[in-house]
Protein backbone atom coordinates (compact mmCIF):
# COMPACT_ATOMS: atom_id res chain seq x y z
CA TYR A 1 -24.70 -26.72 30.35
CA LEU A 2 -22.96 -23.51 28.77
CA SER A 3 -23.89 -24.86 25.21
CA SER A 4 -27.36 -24.97 26.08
CA ILE A 5 -27.50 -20.97 26.55
CA PRO A 6 -28.54 -19.05 23.64
CA SER A 7 -26.07 -16.09 24.27
CA LEU A 8 -23.23 -16.10 26.17
CA GLU A 9 -22.04 -12.57 25.54
CA SER A 10 -19.23 -11.32 27.55
CA GLY A 11 -19.81 -7.71 27.47
CA LEU A 12 -16.27 -6.98 26.03
CA GLU A 13 -15.66 -5.76 22.32
CA GLU A 14 -16.68 -7.97 19.80
CA SER A 15 -12.96 -9.03 18.90
CA ALA A 16 -11.87 -9.25 22.50
CA ASP A 17 -15.21 -11.50 23.54
CA TRP A 18 -14.04 -13.69 20.51
CA VAL A 19 -10.61 -14.36 21.64
CA LEU A 20 -11.70 -14.98 25.13
CA ARG A 21 -14.17 -17.41 23.98
CA LYS A 22 -11.32 -19.32 21.66
CA ALA A 23 -9.19 -19.29 24.80
CA ALA A 24 -11.87 -20.76 27.04
CA HIS A 25 -12.58 -23.48 24.16
CA VAL A 26 -8.61 -24.49 24.10
CA PHE A 27 -8.45 -24.19 27.87
CA VAL A 28 -11.33 -26.39 28.33
CA TYR A 29 -10.57 -28.97 26.06
CA ALA A 30 -7.18 -29.24 27.26
CA VAL A 31 -8.51 -30.05 30.85
CA LEU A 32 -11.08 -32.35 29.55
CA THR A 33 -8.12 -34.37 27.90
CA TRP A 34 -6.22 -34.23 30.93
CA LEU A 35 -8.83 -35.44 32.80
CA VAL A 36 -9.97 -38.21 30.60
CA PHE A 37 -5.76 -39.35 30.27
CA ARG A 38 -5.55 -39.21 34.33
CA ALA A 39 -8.77 -41.41 34.97
CA LEU A 40 -7.49 -44.17 32.24
CA ARG A 41 -3.90 -44.00 33.42
CA ARG A 42 -4.47 -44.24 37.11
CA GLY A 43 -8.39 -45.69 37.15
CA HIS A 44 -7.59 -48.35 34.65
CA SER A 45 -3.81 -48.87 34.58
CA MET A 46 -4.07 -48.13 31.34
CA GLN A 47 -0.49 -48.00 29.38
CA THR A 48 0.46 -44.08 28.91
CA LYS A 49 0.33 -44.52 24.66
CA THR A 50 -2.97 -46.25 24.84
CA ALA A 51 -4.19 -43.50 27.25
CA LEU A 52 -3.12 -40.67 25.49
CA ARG A 53 -4.87 -42.10 22.24
CA TRP A 54 -8.28 -42.55 24.16
CA ALA A 55 -8.32 -39.43 25.91
CA GLY A 56 -7.93 -37.50 22.26
CA ILE A 57 -10.56 -39.54 20.90
CA PHE A 58 -12.77 -39.08 23.85
CA ALA A 59 -12.34 -35.23 23.81
CA LEU A 60 -12.75 -35.15 19.94
CA LEU A 61 -16.04 -37.02 20.38
CA TYR A 62 -17.21 -34.79 22.76
CA ALA A 63 -16.32 -31.65 20.88
CA PHE A 64 -18.31 -33.11 17.74
CA SER A 65 -21.30 -33.63 20.15
CA ASP A 66 -21.11 -30.13 21.47
CA GLU A 67 -21.47 -28.58 18.45
CA PHE A 68 -24.06 -30.89 17.34
CA HIS A 69 -26.36 -29.86 20.34
CA GLN A 70 -25.88 -26.60 19.66
CA HIS A 71 -27.64 -26.83 16.47
CA PHE A 72 -30.97 -27.24 18.29
CA ILE A 73 -30.33 -24.59 20.86
CA PRO A 74 -31.83 -21.12 19.38
CA GLY A 75 -29.33 -18.52 19.10
CA ARG A 76 -26.56 -20.79 18.86
CA HIS A 77 -24.66 -22.62 15.69
CA GLY A 78 -22.50 -25.75 15.58
CA ARG A 79 -19.65 -25.09 13.64
CA LEU A 80 -16.66 -26.87 12.73
CA ARG A 81 -13.95 -24.25 13.10
CA ASP A 82 -15.24 -24.71 16.60
CA VAL A 83 -14.35 -28.05 16.77
CA ALA A 84 -10.95 -27.03 15.26
CA VAL A 85 -10.38 -24.50 18.32
CA ASP A 86 -11.31 -27.52 20.39
CA VAL A 87 -8.49 -29.89 18.66
CA VAL A 88 -6.01 -27.11 19.51
CA GLY A 89 -6.80 -27.49 23.27
CA ILE A 90 -6.64 -31.26 22.68
CA LEU A 91 -3.37 -31.14 20.77
CA VAL A 92 -1.73 -28.98 23.66
CA ALA A 93 -2.85 -31.36 26.38
CA LEU A 94 -1.46 -34.41 24.59
CA THR A 95 1.81 -32.68 23.82
CA LEU A 96 2.41 -31.48 27.21
CA LEU A 97 1.07 -35.16 28.73
CA ARG A 98 3.73 -36.75 26.02
CA THR A 99 6.54 -34.76 26.86
CA GLN A 100 5.81 -35.21 30.72
CA GLN A 101 5.96 -38.76 30.51
CA PRO A 102 8.45 -39.85 27.82
CA SER A 103 10.42 -42.60 29.92
CA GLN A 104 6.79 -43.97 30.68
CA ILE A 105 5.88 -44.27 27.28
CA SER A 106 9.38 -45.77 25.85
CA SER A 107 8.80 -48.28 28.99
CA ASP A 108 5.56 -49.02 28.03
CA SER A 109 6.30 -49.66 24.27
CA SER A 110 9.11 -52.36 25.71
CA SER A 111 7.38 -54.20 28.16
CA GLN A 112 4.71 -54.71 25.19
CA ALA A 113 7.50 -56.10 23.22
CA ARG A 114 8.34 -58.69 25.68
């Protein structure tokens, strides 16, 4: 929805607005990655390592599709640097999820070896 709005100016000074926007991107993509991971892990009983991988892939594809969509909105521009900012959020989420569940990742690996 927000990517279809021509202008999302906050009314703040330009540099503060830029920081706010990029921080929002990082936060939103971290949350998206966490939600997808949670759905895969709990809803589909997927192993932790596999769920982490697919959550990251899904969030990355969504980031690209969002920027592609913005090419068609007057006043908006799809930019690869915005995808890079989104990737920061994805990596933050994947890192936090991985550090919160290291025992599950190692037990997933050992159960696969059996």
